[in-house]
Amino acid sequence: MNKDQAKGVVEQVKGKVNEAVGKATNNPAKEMKGDLQQGAGKVQKAYGDAKEDAKDKAKRNAP
């Protein structure tokens, strides 16, 4: 797991917490912030996954 994957997962968790707090306190802005954090976390994790895949492919194709 690379740092982008880890940061992405952390951001997703923070987003879920913010979303839950927003729902519990009836705060739509906090809920929206959580949704956005989750989306950003998914994108960052996907970027990290792609980097990891590229690194693995490079290792397999190296002479």
Protein backbone atom coordinates (compact mmCIF):
# COMPACT_ATOMS: atom_id res chain seq x y z
CA MET A 1 0.00 0.00 0.00
CA ASN A 2 1.44 3.36 -0.98
CA LYS A 3 0.84 6.73 0.66
CA ASP A 4 -1.88 7.75 -1.81
CA GLN A 5 -3.86 4.61 -1.05
CA ALA A 6 -3.50 5.16 2.70
CA LYS A 7 -4.41 8.85 2.54
CA GLY A 8 -7.40 8.01 0.36
CA VAL A 9 -8.73 5.51 2.87
CA VAL A 10 -8.20 7.95 5.75
CA GLU A 11 -10.04 10.67 3.84
CA GLN A 12 -12.95 8.31 3.17
CA VAL A 13 -13.22 7.46 6.87
CA LYS A 14 -13.12 11.15 7.84
CA GLY A 15 -15.84 11.79 5.28
CA LYS A 16 -18.05 9.05 6.71
CA VAL A 17 -17.63 10.52 10.19
CA ASN A 18 -18.49 14.03 9.00
CA GLU A 19 -21.49 12.72 7.09
CA ALA A 20 -22.77 10.85 10.16
CA VAL A 21 -22.27 13.89 12.39
CA GLY A 22 -24.08 16.05 9.84
CA LYS A 23 -27.03 13.66 9.76
CA ALA A 24 -27.14 13.35 13.55
CA THR A 25 -27.05 17.12 14.10
CA ASN A 26 -29.27 17.93 11.11
CA ASN A 27 -26.44 19.95 9.56
CA PRO A 28 -26.63 19.67 5.76
CA ALA A 29 -23.34 21.54 5.26
CA LYS A 30 -21.44 19.06 7.43
CA GLU A 31 -23.15 16.17 5.68
CA MET A 32 -22.17 17.58 2.27
CA LYS A 33 -18.58 18.07 3.46
CA GLY A 34 -18.51 14.40 4.40
CA ASP A 35 -19.81 13.36 1.00
CA LEU A 36 -17.15 15.45 -0.72
CA GLN A 37 -14.39 14.05 1.50
CA GLN A 38 -15.47 10.53 0.68
CA GLY A 39 -15.38 11.30 -3.03
CA ALA A 40 -11.95 12.86 -2.77
CA GLY A 41 -10.73 9.87 -0.80
CA LYS A 42 -11.99 7.45 -3.43
CA VAL A 43 -10.21 9.40 -6.16
CA GLN A 44 -6.95 9.51 -4.22
CA LYS A 45 -7.14 5.78 -3.43
CA ALA A 46 -7.84 4.99 -7.09
CA TYR A 47 -4.79 7.05 -8.07
CA GLY A 48 -2.70 5.11 -5.56
CA ASP A 49 -4.09 1.83 -6.88
CA ALA A 50 -3.12 2.82 -10.43
CA LYS A 51 0.40 3.75 -9.31
CA GLU A 52 0.75 0.42 -7.52
CA ASP A 53 -0.48 -1.49 -10.59
CA ALA A 54 1.98 0.34 -12.83
CA LYS A 55 4.82 -0.44 -10.43
CA ASP A 56 3.86 -4.13 -10.32
CA LYS A 57 3.67 -4.34 -14.12
CA ALA A 58 7.06 -2.67 -14.44
CA LYS A 59 8.58 -5.23 -12.07
CA ARG A 60 7.11 -8.13 -14.06
CA ASN A 61 8.35 -6.77 -17.38
CA ALA A 62 11.83 -5.85 -16.16
CA PRO A 63 14.65 -7.96 -17.64
